[in-house]
Amino acid sequence: MTKLSVCISTVTPRRSLLSRLLSGLLDQDGDYEVIVHTGDNIPHGTKVERMFREAAGSHVVVVDDDDYLRGDYMEWVLPELNPGLDFLGYRIHCTFNGNFWMSVPHHGDLPSNRWRQLKRGPAPKMPTRVELARRVPFKNHYQGDIEWAEGIQPLLETVKYIDEELYFYDFWRAGSMKTSWNDGTEQPDIGPQRDLGLFDFDEERVRWL
């Protein structure tokens, strides 16, 4: 069985940002797969649940299409993903409009995942055993990830933590996807999405849905 399924939900206006993520991710070696679910009017939660169902990995992690992973992410993460591990936490490096915001540790044995806290519980942005990830609904609204995290935490029995910044949360207010994009309704004016150009990556290494 593959160790890790990286699940990415995307929309057309973020083509440039997605290419940045995939370019850096697919340069890494290891036993993992990358699933990208497209579709501008398919709800985000619906995409995530389908990727969880179709994942070949023993663990799944959700990566937002405008974020990216550290260049040695797989070197740190894959050796820890044994079949008996429920959740692997690490630090998220957060930027706001291009400026450093905070560095946030996520631990599997903490109950809360609210943004006001500087030490948080589990999140879909960390590897979770796929059987457990599938048991908790990922709802189609803006707080869907937080509710999923709060639902998964009581199910976690074996957890580990790496005190390294392995995930980069690159938030820009002008390009933030609004609630209507998460529930699948049409929203013509979503604000400008950053155009970083198109990064090269091997499309054949991606499983497109």
N, C-alpha and C. Protein backbone atom coordinates (compact mmCIF):
# COMPACT_ATOMS: atom_id res chain seq x y z
N MET A 1 0.83 -1.20 0.00
CA MET A 1 0.00 0.00 0.00
C MET A 1 0.87 1.25 0.00
N THR A 2 0.47 2.25 -0.79
CA THR A 2 1.16 3.54 -0.78
C THR A 2 1.08 4.15 0.61
N LYS A 3 2.14 4.83 1.03
CA LYS A 3 2.15 5.41 2.37
C LYS A 3 1.27 6.64 2.52
N LEU A 4 1.28 7.53 1.52
CA LEU A 4 0.60 8.81 1.68
C LEU A 4 -0.10 9.22 0.40
N SER A 5 -1.35 9.65 0.53
CA SER A 5 -2.09 10.27 -0.57
C SER A 5 -2.22 11.75 -0.28
N VAL A 6 -1.64 12.58 -1.14
CA VAL A 6 -1.74 14.04 -1.02
C VAL A 6 -2.96 14.48 -1.81
N CYS A 7 -3.93 15.07 -1.14
CA CYS A 7 -5.23 15.40 -1.74
C CYS A 7 -5.34 16.91 -1.91
N ILE A 8 -5.54 17.34 -3.16
CA ILE A 8 -5.56 18.77 -3.48
C ILE A 8 -6.85 19.10 -4.21
N SER A 9 -7.66 19.97 -3.64
CA SER A 9 -8.87 20.48 -4.28
C SER A 9 -8.53 21.81 -4.95
N THR A 10 -8.94 21.97 -6.21
CA THR A 10 -8.53 23.18 -6.91
C THR A 10 -9.65 23.72 -7.79
N VAL A 11 -9.48 24.98 -8.23
CA VAL A 11 -10.38 25.64 -9.15
C VAL A 11 -9.54 26.33 -10.22
N THR A 12 -10.16 26.60 -11.35
CA THR A 12 -9.43 27.12 -12.51
C THR A 12 -8.67 28.41 -12.24
N PRO A 13 -9.22 29.41 -11.51
CA PRO A 13 -8.48 30.64 -11.30
C PRO A 13 -7.16 30.47 -10.53
N ARG A 14 -6.97 29.32 -9.91
CA ARG A 14 -5.73 29.09 -9.16
C ARG A 14 -4.75 28.18 -9.91
N ARG A 15 -4.86 28.19 -11.21
CA ARG A 15 -3.98 27.33 -12.02
C ARG A 15 -2.50 27.61 -11.76
N SER A 16 -2.16 28.88 -11.66
CA SER A 16 -0.76 29.25 -11.42
C SER A 16 -0.29 28.76 -10.05
N LEU A 17 -1.11 29.01 -9.01
CA LEU A 17 -0.73 28.60 -7.67
C LEU A 17 -0.64 27.09 -7.55
N LEU A 18 -1.56 26.38 -8.20
CA LEU A 18 -1.50 24.92 -8.19
C LEU A 18 -0.21 24.43 -8.82
N SER A 19 0.20 25.05 -9.91
CA SER A 19 1.43 24.61 -10.57
C SER A 19 2.65 24.82 -9.66
N ARG A 20 2.64 25.88 -8.86
CA ARG A 20 3.73 26.09 -7.90
C ARG A 20 3.79 24.94 -6.90
N LEU A 21 2.63 24.59 -6.35
CA LEU A 21 2.56 23.51 -5.38
C LEU A 21 3.04 22.20 -5.99
N LEU A 22 2.53 21.85 -7.17
CA LEU A 22 2.86 20.56 -7.77
C LEU A 22 4.32 20.49 -8.21
N SER A 23 4.86 21.61 -8.66
CA SER A 23 6.25 21.62 -9.09
C SER A 23 7.18 21.24 -7.94
N GLY A 24 6.98 21.84 -6.78
CA GLY A 24 7.84 21.53 -5.64
C GLY A 24 7.55 20.17 -5.04
N LEU A 25 6.28 19.78 -5.05
CA LEU A 25 5.90 18.50 -4.45
C LEU A 25 6.41 17.32 -5.27
N LEU A 26 6.22 17.35 -6.57
CA LEU A 26 6.56 16.20 -7.41
C LEU A 26 8.05 16.04 -7.62
N ASP A 27 8.85 17.01 -7.20
CA ASP A 27 10.30 16.86 -7.22
C ASP A 27 10.80 15.94 -6.11
N GLN A 28 9.95 15.63 -5.15
CA GLN A 28 10.36 14.84 -4.00
C GLN A 28 10.18 13.35 -4.26
N ASP A 29 11.10 12.57 -3.70
CA ASP A 29 11.07 11.13 -3.87
C ASP A 29 10.28 10.49 -2.73
N GLY A 30 9.79 9.27 -2.95
CA GLY A 30 9.14 8.55 -1.88
C GLY A 30 7.87 7.85 -2.33
N ASP A 31 7.31 7.10 -1.41
CA ASP A 31 6.13 6.28 -1.67
C ASP A 31 4.87 7.09 -1.37
N TYR A 32 4.46 7.90 -2.33
CA TYR A 32 3.27 8.73 -2.18
C TYR A 32 2.59 8.92 -3.53
N GLU A 33 1.33 9.32 -3.49
CA GLU A 33 0.60 9.68 -4.69
C GLU A 33 0.02 11.07 -4.51
N VAL A 34 -0.29 11.72 -5.63
CA VAL A 34 -0.90 13.05 -5.61
C VAL A 34 -2.22 12.97 -6.36
N ILE A 35 -3.30 13.35 -5.67
CA ILE A 35 -4.63 13.39 -6.27
C ILE A 35 -5.06 14.85 -6.34
N VAL A 36 -5.48 15.30 -7.52
CA VAL A 36 -5.98 16.67 -7.70
C VAL A 36 -7.41 16.58 -8.21
N HIS A 37 -8.32 17.18 -7.46
CA HIS A 37 -9.74 17.19 -7.84
C HIS A 37 -10.07 18.58 -8.38
N THR A 38 -10.42 18.66 -9.66
CA THR A 38 -10.79 19.92 -10.31
C THR A 38 -12.31 20.08 -10.26
N GLY A 39 -12.79 21.20 -10.83
CA GLY A 39 -14.22 21.45 -10.90
C GLY A 39 -14.59 22.71 -10.15
N ASP A 40 -14.89 23.79 -10.88
CA ASP A 40 -15.09 25.09 -10.24
C ASP A 40 -16.36 25.15 -9.41
N ASN A 41 -17.38 24.39 -9.75
CA ASN A 41 -18.64 24.46 -9.02
C ASN A 41 -18.96 23.17 -8.27
N ILE A 42 -17.94 22.39 -8.00
CA ILE A 42 -18.10 21.23 -7.13
C ILE A 42 -17.67 21.66 -5.73
N PRO A 43 -18.50 21.43 -4.72
CA PRO A 43 -18.14 21.88 -3.36
C PRO A 43 -16.83 21.28 -2.88
N HIS A 44 -16.11 22.09 -2.12
CA HIS A 44 -14.80 21.66 -1.62
C HIS A 44 -14.90 20.39 -0.79
N GLY A 45 -15.84 20.35 0.14
CA GLY A 45 -15.99 19.17 0.98
C GLY A 45 -16.31 17.92 0.19
N THR A 46 -17.12 18.06 -0.84
CA THR A 46 -17.44 16.93 -1.71
C THR A 46 -16.18 16.41 -2.39
N LYS A 47 -15.34 17.32 -2.84
CA LYS A 47 -14.07 16.91 -3.46
C LYS A 47 -13.20 16.16 -2.46
N VAL A 48 -13.08 16.70 -1.25
CA VAL A 48 -12.21 16.07 -0.25
C VAL A 48 -12.71 14.66 0.07
N GLU A 49 -14.00 14.51 0.28
CA GLU A 49 -14.53 13.19 0.62
C GLU A 49 -14.30 12.19 -0.51
N ARG A 50 -14.45 12.63 -1.76
CA ARG A 50 -14.18 11.71 -2.87
C ARG A 50 -12.71 11.32 -2.90
N MET A 51 -11.81 12.27 -2.69
CA MET A 51 -10.38 11.94 -2.68
C MET A 51 -10.05 10.98 -1.55
N PHE A 52 -10.64 11.17 -0.39
CA PHE A 52 -10.44 10.23 0.72
C PHE A 52 -10.91 8.82 0.32
N ARG A 53 -12.06 8.74 -0.32
CA ARG A 53 -12.59 7.42 -0.71
C ARG A 53 -11.67 6.72 -1.71
N GLU A 54 -11.09 7.48 -2.63
CA GLU A 54 -10.31 6.88 -3.71
C GLU A 54 -8.82 6.81 -3.39
N ALA A 55 -8.41 7.30 -2.24
CA ALA A 55 -6.99 7.33 -1.88
C ALA A 55 -6.43 5.91 -1.77
N ALA A 56 -5.25 5.72 -2.32
CA ALA A 56 -4.55 4.45 -2.22
C ALA A 56 -3.59 4.40 -1.04
N GLY A 57 -3.38 5.53 -0.40
CA GLY A 57 -2.41 5.61 0.69
C GLY A 57 -2.98 5.12 2.01
N SER A 58 -2.09 4.70 2.90
CA SER A 58 -2.50 4.35 4.26
C SER A 58 -2.88 5.60 5.05
N HIS A 59 -2.35 6.75 4.63
CA HIS A 59 -2.65 8.04 5.27
C HIS A 59 -2.99 9.06 4.18
N VAL A 60 -3.78 10.05 4.56
CA VAL A 60 -4.16 11.12 3.64
C VAL A 60 -3.81 12.47 4.26
N VAL A 61 -3.47 13.43 3.41
CA VAL A 61 -3.26 14.81 3.85
C VAL A 61 -3.87 15.73 2.81
N VAL A 62 -4.56 16.78 3.26
CA VAL A 62 -5.18 17.76 2.37
C VAL A 62 -4.26 18.98 2.29
N VAL A 63 -3.91 19.37 1.08
CA VAL A 63 -3.07 20.55 0.86
C VAL A 63 -3.87 21.53 0.01
N ASP A 64 -4.05 22.75 0.50
CA ASP A 64 -4.76 23.77 -0.27
C ASP A 64 -3.95 24.15 -1.51
N ASP A 65 -4.65 24.46 -2.60
CA ASP A 65 -3.96 24.71 -3.86
C ASP A 65 -3.13 25.99 -3.86
N ASP A 66 -3.37 26.89 -2.91
CA ASP A 66 -2.56 28.11 -2.83
C ASP A 66 -1.47 28.02 -1.76
N ASP A 67 -1.32 26.86 -1.14
CA ASP A 67 -0.26 26.64 -0.17
C ASP A 67 0.84 25.79 -0.81
N TYR A 68 1.86 25.44 -0.03
CA TYR A 68 2.91 24.56 -0.55
C TYR A 68 3.61 23.85 0.60
N LEU A 69 4.35 22.81 0.27
CA LEU A 69 5.04 21.99 1.26
C LEU A 69 6.54 22.23 1.18
N ARG A 70 7.20 21.99 2.30
CA ARG A 70 8.66 22.17 2.33
C ARG A 70 9.33 21.19 1.37
N GLY A 71 10.47 21.58 0.86
CA GLY A 71 11.14 20.80 -0.17
C GLY A 71 11.56 19.41 0.28
N ASP A 72 11.71 19.21 1.60
CA ASP A 72 12.07 17.89 2.11
C ASP A 72 10.93 17.29 2.92
N TYR A 73 9.71 17.68 2.61
CA TYR A 73 8.53 17.21 3.35
C TYR A 73 8.49 15.69 3.42
N MET A 74 8.66 15.04 2.30
CA MET A 74 8.53 13.58 2.27
C MET A 74 9.64 12.90 3.07
N GLU A 75 10.82 13.48 3.11
CA GLU A 75 11.91 12.90 3.90
C GLU A 75 11.56 12.87 5.38
N TRP A 76 10.85 13.88 5.85
CA TRP A 76 10.45 13.94 7.25
C TRP A 76 9.23 13.06 7.53
N VAL A 77 8.26 13.09 6.64
CA VAL A 77 6.95 12.51 6.93
C VAL A 77 6.88 11.01 6.66
N LEU A 78 7.33 10.57 5.49
CA LEU A 78 7.12 9.18 5.10
C LEU A 78 7.69 8.16 6.08
N PRO A 79 8.89 8.36 6.63
CA PRO A 79 9.41 7.36 7.57
C PRO A 79 8.55 7.18 8.82
N GLU A 80 7.72 8.16 9.15
CA GLU A 80 6.89 8.08 10.35
C GLU A 80 5.56 7.39 10.12
N LEU A 81 5.18 7.18 8.87
CA LEU A 81 3.83 6.71 8.57
C LEU A 81 3.76 5.18 8.57
N ASN A 82 3.81 4.61 9.74
CA ASN A 82 3.59 3.17 9.86
C ASN A 82 2.09 2.91 9.95
N PRO A 83 1.63 1.69 9.64
CA PRO A 83 0.19 1.42 9.59
C PRO A 83 -0.55 1.66 10.90
N GLY A 84 0.15 1.61 12.04
CA GLY A 84 -0.51 1.80 13.32
C GLY A 84 -0.61 3.24 13.78
N LEU A 85 -0.06 4.17 13.01
CA LEU A 85 -0.09 5.58 13.40
C LEU A 85 -1.38 6.23 12.91
N ASP A 86 -2.10 6.88 13.82
CA ASP A 86 -3.36 7.54 13.45
C ASP A 86 -3.15 8.94 12.90
N PHE A 87 -2.16 9.66 13.44
CA PHE A 87 -2.03 11.08 13.07
C PHE A 87 -0.59 11.53 13.28
N LEU A 88 -0.09 12.33 12.33
CA LEU A 88 1.25 12.91 12.44
C LEU A 88 1.13 14.43 12.38
N GLY A 89 1.51 15.10 13.46
CA GLY A 89 1.45 16.56 13.51
C GLY A 89 2.79 17.20 13.23
N TYR A 90 2.75 18.48 12.90
CA TYR A 90 3.96 19.29 12.71
C TYR A 90 3.55 20.75 12.78
N ARG A 91 4.49 21.63 12.47
CA ARG A 91 4.22 23.06 12.52
C ARG A 91 3.80 23.57 11.15
N ILE A 92 2.91 24.56 11.15
CA ILE A 92 2.52 25.26 9.92
C ILE A 92 3.11 26.67 9.97
N HIS A 93 3.83 27.03 8.94
CA HIS A 93 4.39 28.38 8.79
C HIS A 93 3.34 29.22 8.08
N CYS A 94 2.82 30.24 8.74
CA CYS A 94 1.71 31.04 8.20
C CYS A 94 2.20 32.42 7.78
N THR A 95 1.83 32.80 6.56
CA THR A 95 2.07 34.17 6.10
C THR A 95 0.74 34.81 5.75
N PHE A 96 0.67 36.12 5.92
CA PHE A 96 -0.54 36.89 5.64
C PHE A 96 -0.17 38.01 4.68
N ASN A 97 -0.74 37.97 3.47
CA ASN A 97 -0.42 38.96 2.43
C ASN A 97 1.09 39.07 2.20
N GLY A 98 1.78 37.94 2.24
CA GLY A 98 3.21 37.90 1.95
C GLY A 98 4.12 38.13 3.12
N ASN A 99 3.58 38.46 4.28
CA ASN A 99 4.39 38.73 5.48
C ASN A 99 4.22 37.63 6.52
N PHE A 100 5.30 37.35 7.26
CA PHE A 100 5.21 36.32 8.29
C PHE A 100 4.13 36.68 9.30
N TRP A 101 3.35 35.67 9.66
CA TRP A 101 2.24 35.84 10.58
C TRP A 101 2.52 35.09 11.87
N MET A 102 2.67 33.77 11.78
CA MET A 102 2.93 32.97 12.96
C MET A 102 3.34 31.56 12.55
N SER A 103 3.92 30.85 13.49
CA SER A 103 4.27 29.44 13.32
C SER A 103 3.45 28.65 14.33
N VAL A 104 2.63 27.73 13.82
CA VAL A 104 1.63 27.09 14.68
C VAL A 104 1.85 25.57 14.73
N PRO A 105 2.09 25.01 15.93
CA PRO A 105 2.18 23.56 16.06
C PRO A 105 0.79 22.93 16.14
N HIS A 106 0.63 21.80 15.47
CA HIS A 106 -0.61 21.03 15.52
C HIS A 106 -0.32 19.66 16.12
N HIS A 107 -0.97 19.36 17.23
CA HIS A 107 -0.76 18.11 17.95
C HIS A 107 -2.03 17.26 17.88
N GLY A 108 -1.88 15.97 17.70
CA GLY A 108 -3.03 15.09 17.63
C GLY A 108 -3.73 14.88 18.94
N ASP A 109 -3.08 15.19 20.06
CA ASP A 109 -3.68 14.95 21.37
C ASP A 109 -4.26 16.22 22.00
N LEU A 110 -4.42 17.28 21.21
CA LEU A 110 -5.07 18.49 21.69
C LEU A 110 -6.47 18.58 21.07
N PRO A 111 -7.48 19.00 21.83
CA PRO A 111 -8.85 18.97 21.32
C PRO A 111 -9.25 20.13 20.43
N SER A 112 -8.60 21.26 20.56
CA SER A 112 -9.11 22.45 19.88
C SER A 112 -8.28 22.78 18.65
N ASN A 113 -8.98 23.32 17.62
CA ASN A 113 -8.32 23.71 16.39
C ASN A 113 -8.75 25.11 15.96
N ARG A 114 -9.14 25.95 16.91
CA ARG A 114 -9.61 27.29 16.58
C ARG A 114 -8.43 28.21 16.30
N TRP A 115 -8.65 29.15 15.36
CA TRP A 115 -7.56 29.98 14.87
C TRP A 115 -6.95 30.87 15.95
N ARG A 116 -7.69 31.22 16.97
CA ARG A 116 -7.15 32.12 17.98
C ARG A 116 -6.07 31.45 18.84
N GLN A 117 -5.99 30.14 18.79
CA GLN A 117 -5.03 29.44 19.62
C GLN A 117 -3.71 29.28 18.89
N LEU A 118 -2.62 29.43 19.62
CA LEU A 118 -1.29 29.33 19.02
C LEU A 118 -0.71 27.93 19.15
N LYS A 119 -1.42 27.03 19.78
CA LYS A 119 -1.09 25.61 19.78
C LYS A 119 -2.39 24.87 19.52
N ARG A 120 -2.45 24.11 18.44
CA ARG A 120 -3.72 23.59 17.98
C ARG A 120 -3.73 22.08 17.89
N GLY A 121 -4.95 21.55 17.74
CA GLY A 121 -5.14 20.12 17.61
C GLY A 121 -4.98 19.67 16.16
N PRO A 122 -5.55 18.52 15.82
CA PRO A 122 -5.38 17.98 14.47
C PRO A 122 -6.04 18.87 13.42
N ALA A 123 -5.61 18.66 12.18
CA ALA A 123 -6.15 19.39 11.04
C ALA A 123 -5.99 18.52 9.81
N PRO A 124 -6.81 18.73 8.78
CA PRO A 124 -6.64 17.94 7.56
C PRO A 124 -5.31 18.20 6.85
N LYS A 125 -4.61 19.25 7.24
CA LYS A 125 -3.32 19.58 6.65
C LYS A 125 -2.19 18.73 7.20
N MET A 126 -2.51 17.73 8.01
CA MET A 126 -1.54 16.78 8.53
C MET A 126 -1.96 15.36 8.16
N PRO A 127 -1.01 14.45 7.99
CA PRO A 127 -1.36 13.07 7.63
C PRO A 127 -2.20 12.39 8.70
N THR A 128 -3.30 11.78 8.26
CA THR A 128 -4.23 11.06 9.12
C THR A 128 -4.49 9.70 8.50
N ARG A 129 -4.60 8.67 9.34
CA ARG A 129 -4.88 7.33 8.82
C ARG A 129 -6.18 7.36 8.03
N VAL A 130 -6.16 6.80 6.83
CA VAL A 130 -7.24 6.98 5.88
C VAL A 130 -8.57 6.42 6.39
N GLU A 131 -8.54 5.30 7.10
CA GLU A 131 -9.79 4.73 7.60
C GLU A 131 -10.49 5.68 8.56
N LEU A 132 -9.71 6.40 9.37
CA LEU A 132 -10.30 7.37 10.29
C LEU A 132 -10.77 8.61 9.55
N ALA A 133 -9.99 9.08 8.59
CA ALA A 133 -10.35 10.28 7.83
C ALA A 133 -11.69 10.10 7.14
N ARG A 134 -11.97 8.90 6.67
CA ARG A 134 -13.21 8.62 5.95
C ARG A 134 -14.42 8.59 6.89
N ARG A 135 -14.19 8.39 8.16
CA ARG A 135 -15.31 8.23 9.10
C ARG A 135 -15.95 9.56 9.50
N VAL A 136 -15.26 10.68 9.25
CA VAL A 136 -15.77 11.98 9.68
C VAL A 136 -16.19 12.79 8.44
N PRO A 137 -17.42 13.26 8.38
CA PRO A 137 -17.86 14.04 7.23
C PRO A 137 -17.04 15.33 7.06
N PHE A 138 -16.77 15.67 5.82
CA PHE A 138 -16.11 16.94 5.50
C PHE A 138 -17.17 17.81 4.84
N LYS A 139 -17.72 18.73 5.60
CA LYS A 139 -18.90 19.46 5.16
C LYS A 139 -18.56 20.60 4.21
N ASN A 140 -19.59 21.03 3.47
CA ASN A 140 -19.42 22.05 2.44
C ASN A 140 -19.74 23.45 2.94
N HIS A 141 -18.98 23.91 3.90
CA HIS A 141 -19.07 25.30 4.30
C HIS A 141 -17.70 25.74 4.83
N TYR A 142 -17.57 27.03 5.13
CA TYR A 142 -16.25 27.60 5.40
C TYR A 142 -15.57 27.02 6.63
N GLN A 143 -16.35 26.52 7.58
CA GLN A 143 -15.79 25.92 8.79
C GLN A 143 -15.69 24.39 8.67
N GLY A 144 -15.84 23.86 7.47
CA GLY A 144 -15.85 22.42 7.29
C GLY A 144 -14.58 21.74 7.77
N ASP A 145 -13.43 22.38 7.54
CA ASP A 145 -12.17 21.76 7.97
C ASP A 145 -12.04 21.73 9.49
N ILE A 146 -12.52 22.80 10.15
CA ILE A 146 -12.46 22.84 11.61
C ILE A 146 -13.39 21.79 12.21
N GLU A 147 -14.59 21.66 11.66
CA GLU A 147 -15.51 20.66 12.17
C GLU A 147 -14.98 19.24 11.94
N TRP A 148 -14.35 19.02 10.79
CA TRP A 148 -13.74 17.72 10.53
C TRP A 148 -12.65 17.44 11.57
N ALA A 149 -11.82 18.44 11.85
CA ALA A 149 -10.73 18.26 12.82
C ALA A 149 -11.27 17.94 14.22
N GLU A 150 -12.33 18.63 14.60
CA GLU A 150 -12.90 18.39 15.93
C GLU A 150 -13.58 17.02 15.99
N GLY A 151 -14.05 16.53 14.84
CA GLY A 151 -14.65 15.21 14.81
C GLY A 151 -13.62 14.09 14.82
N ILE A 152 -12.45 14.35 14.23
CA ILE A 152 -11.43 13.31 14.12
C ILE A 152 -10.66 13.14 15.43
N GLN A 153 -10.51 14.21 16.19
CA GLN A 153 -9.64 14.17 17.37
C GLN A 153 -10.00 13.06 18.36
N PRO A 154 -11.27 12.85 18.71
CA PRO A 154 -11.57 11.77 19.67
C PRO A 154 -11.26 10.37 19.13
N LEU A 155 -11.08 10.23 17.83
CA LEU A 155 -10.79 8.93 17.24
C LEU A 155 -9.31 8.59 17.24
N LEU A 156 -8.47 9.57 17.53
CA LEU A 156 -7.02 9.38 17.43
C LEU A 156 -6.48 8.73 18.70
N GLU A 157 -5.78 7.61 18.52
CA GLU A 157 -5.18 6.92 19.66
C GLU A 157 -3.66 6.96 19.62
N THR A 158 -3.08 6.81 18.45
CA THR A 158 -1.62 6.83 18.32
C THR A 158 -1.23 8.06 17.50
N VAL A 159 -0.50 8.96 18.10
CA VAL A 159 -0.13 10.21 17.45
C VAL A 159 1.36 10.47 17.63
N LYS A 160 1.94 11.20 16.67
CA LYS A 160 3.32 11.66 16.77
C LYS A 160 3.36 13.13 16.37
N TYR A 161 4.46 13.77 16.72
CA TYR A 161 4.63 15.19 16.39
C TYR A 161 6.06 15.44 15.97
N ILE A 162 6.24 16.18 14.87
CA ILE A 162 7.55 16.62 14.39
C ILE A 162 7.64 18.12 14.59
N ASP A 163 8.59 18.59 15.34
CA ASP A 163 8.71 20.02 15.62
C ASP A 163 9.48 20.73 14.51
N GLU A 164 8.90 20.69 13.32
CA GLU A 164 9.46 21.33 12.13
C GLU A 164 8.33 21.98 11.35
N GLU A 165 8.64 23.10 10.68
CA GLU A 165 7.68 23.74 9.80
C GLU A 165 7.72 23.03 8.44
N LEU A 166 6.72 22.21 8.19
CA LEU A 166 6.70 21.41 6.97
C LEU A 166 5.62 21.85 5.99
N TYR A 167 4.65 22.63 6.45
CA TYR A 167 3.54 23.10 5.62
C TYR A 167 3.55 24.63 5.63
N PHE A 168 3.40 25.24 4.45
CA PHE A 168 3.42 26.70 4.34
C PHE A 168 2.04 27.20 3.91
N TYR A 169 1.39 27.87 4.85
CA TYR A 169 0.04 28.41 4.65
C TYR A 169 0.20 29.84 4.15
N ASP A 170 -0.09 30.04 2.85
CA ASP A 170 0.23 31.29 2.16
C ASP A 170 -1.06 32.07 1.91
N PHE A 171 -1.57 32.72 2.93
CA PHE A 171 -2.88 33.39 2.86
C PHE A 171 -2.75 34.81 2.32
N TRP A 172 -3.56 35.11 1.31
CA TRP A 172 -3.71 36.47 0.79
C TRP A 172 -5.19 36.81 0.84
N ARG A 173 -5.55 37.88 1.53
CA ARG A 173 -6.95 38.19 1.74
C ARG A 173 -7.70 38.40 0.43
N ALA A 174 -7.07 39.10 -0.51
CA ALA A 174 -7.77 39.42 -1.78
C ALA A 174 -8.12 38.16 -2.55
N GLY A 175 -7.34 37.08 -2.39
CA GLY A 175 -7.58 35.87 -3.15
C GLY A 175 -8.28 34.78 -2.38
N SER A 176 -8.76 35.10 -1.18
CA SER A 176 -9.40 34.08 -0.36
C SER A 176 -10.70 33.60 -1.01
N MET A 177 -10.88 32.28 -1.04
CA MET A 177 -12.13 31.72 -1.56
C MET A 177 -13.23 31.93 -0.53
N LYS A 178 -14.33 32.49 -0.98
CA LYS A 178 -15.43 32.79 -0.07
C LYS A 178 -16.29 31.54 0.17
N THR A 179 -17.20 31.67 1.11
CA THR A 179 -18.03 30.54 1.49
C THR A 179 -18.77 29.95 0.30
N SER A 180 -19.23 30.78 -0.62
CA SER A 180 -20.03 30.26 -1.73
C SER A 180 -19.22 29.32 -2.61
N TRP A 181 -17.90 29.51 -2.69
CA TRP A 181 -17.09 28.57 -3.46
C TRP A 181 -17.01 27.24 -2.73
N ASN A 182 -17.05 27.27 -1.41
CA ASN A 182 -17.00 26.02 -0.66
C ASN A 182 -18.30 25.25 -0.75
N ASP A 183 -19.44 25.93 -0.93
CA ASP A 183 -20.70 25.19 -0.99
C ASP A 183 -21.14 24.92 -2.43
N GLY A 184 -20.28 25.29 -3.40
CA GLY A 184 -20.52 24.89 -4.78
C GLY A 184 -21.37 25.85 -5.60
N THR A 185 -21.81 26.95 -5.03
CA THR A 185 -22.60 27.90 -5.80
C THR A 185 -21.70 28.81 -6.61
N GLU A 186 -22.26 29.39 -7.64
CA GLU A 186 -21.46 30.20 -8.55
C GLU A 186 -21.20 31.58 -7.95
N GLN A 187 -19.96 32.02 -8.05
CA GLN A 187 -19.61 33.36 -7.56
C GLN A 187 -18.66 33.99 -8.57
N PRO A 188 -19.17 34.80 -9.51
CA PRO A 188 -18.31 35.33 -10.57
C PRO A 188 -17.17 36.20 -10.05
N ASP A 189 -17.42 37.02 -9.04
CA ASP A 189 -16.41 37.94 -8.56
C ASP A 189 -15.78 37.38 -7.29
N ILE A 190 -14.66 36.67 -7.44
CA ILE A 190 -14.00 36.08 -6.28
C ILE A 190 -12.76 36.86 -5.85
N GLY A 191 -12.51 37.98 -6.50
CA GLY A 191 -11.30 38.73 -6.20
C GLY A 191 -10.14 38.21 -7.02
N PRO A 192 -9.10 39.00 -7.18
CA PRO A 192 -7.97 38.59 -8.02
C PRO A 192 -7.19 37.45 -7.40
N GLN A 193 -6.83 36.49 -8.23
CA GLN A 193 -5.95 35.40 -7.80
C GLN A 193 -4.55 35.71 -8.30
N ARG A 194 -3.57 35.46 -7.47
CA ARG A 194 -2.19 35.77 -7.86
C ARG A 194 -1.75 34.95 -9.07
N ASP A 195 -1.07 35.61 -9.98
CA ASP A 195 -0.51 34.95 -11.15
C ASP A 195 1.01 34.92 -10.98
N LEU A 196 1.53 33.76 -10.63
CA LEU A 196 2.97 33.60 -10.43
C LEU A 196 3.64 33.02 -11.66
N GLY A 197 2.88 32.91 -12.75
CA GLY A 197 3.37 32.19 -13.90
C GLY A 197 3.06 30.71 -13.74
N LEU A 198 3.40 29.92 -14.74
CA LEU A 198 3.16 28.49 -14.68
C LEU A 198 4.46 27.74 -14.43
N PHE A 199 4.49 26.95 -13.36
CA PHE A 199 5.66 26.15 -13.00
C PHE A 199 5.57 24.80 -13.71
N ASP A 200 6.70 24.28 -14.11
CA ASP A 200 6.74 22.98 -14.77
C ASP A 200 6.53 21.86 -13.76
N PHE A 201 5.74 20.87 -14.14
CA PHE A 201 5.60 19.65 -13.35
C PHE A 201 5.13 18.53 -14.27
N ASP A 202 5.30 17.31 -13.83
CA ASP A 202 4.95 16.14 -14.63
C ASP A 202 3.47 15.80 -14.40
N GLU A 203 2.62 16.16 -15.35
CA GLU A 203 1.18 15.94 -15.19
C GLU A 203 0.83 14.45 -15.10
N GLU A 204 1.66 13.59 -15.65
CA GLU A 204 1.36 12.16 -15.64
C GLU A 204 1.55 11.55 -14.25
N ARG A 205 2.21 12.26 -13.37
CA ARG A 205 2.38 11.76 -12.00
C ARG A 205 1.22 12.16 -11.09
N VAL A 206 0.26 12.87 -11.64
CA VAL A 206 -0.90 13.31 -10.87
C VAL A 206 -2.10 12.46 -11.25
N ARG A 207 -2.90 12.08 -10.26
CA ARG A 207 -4.18 11.42 -10.53
C ARG A 207 -5.25 12.49 -10.53
N TRP A 208 -5.79 12.81 -11.69
CA TRP A 208 -6.75 13.90 -11.83
C TRP A 208 -8.17 13.37 -11.68
N LEU A 209 -8.97 14.05 -10.90
CA LEU A 209 -10.39 13.72 -10.75
C LEU A 209 -11.24 14.89 -11.23
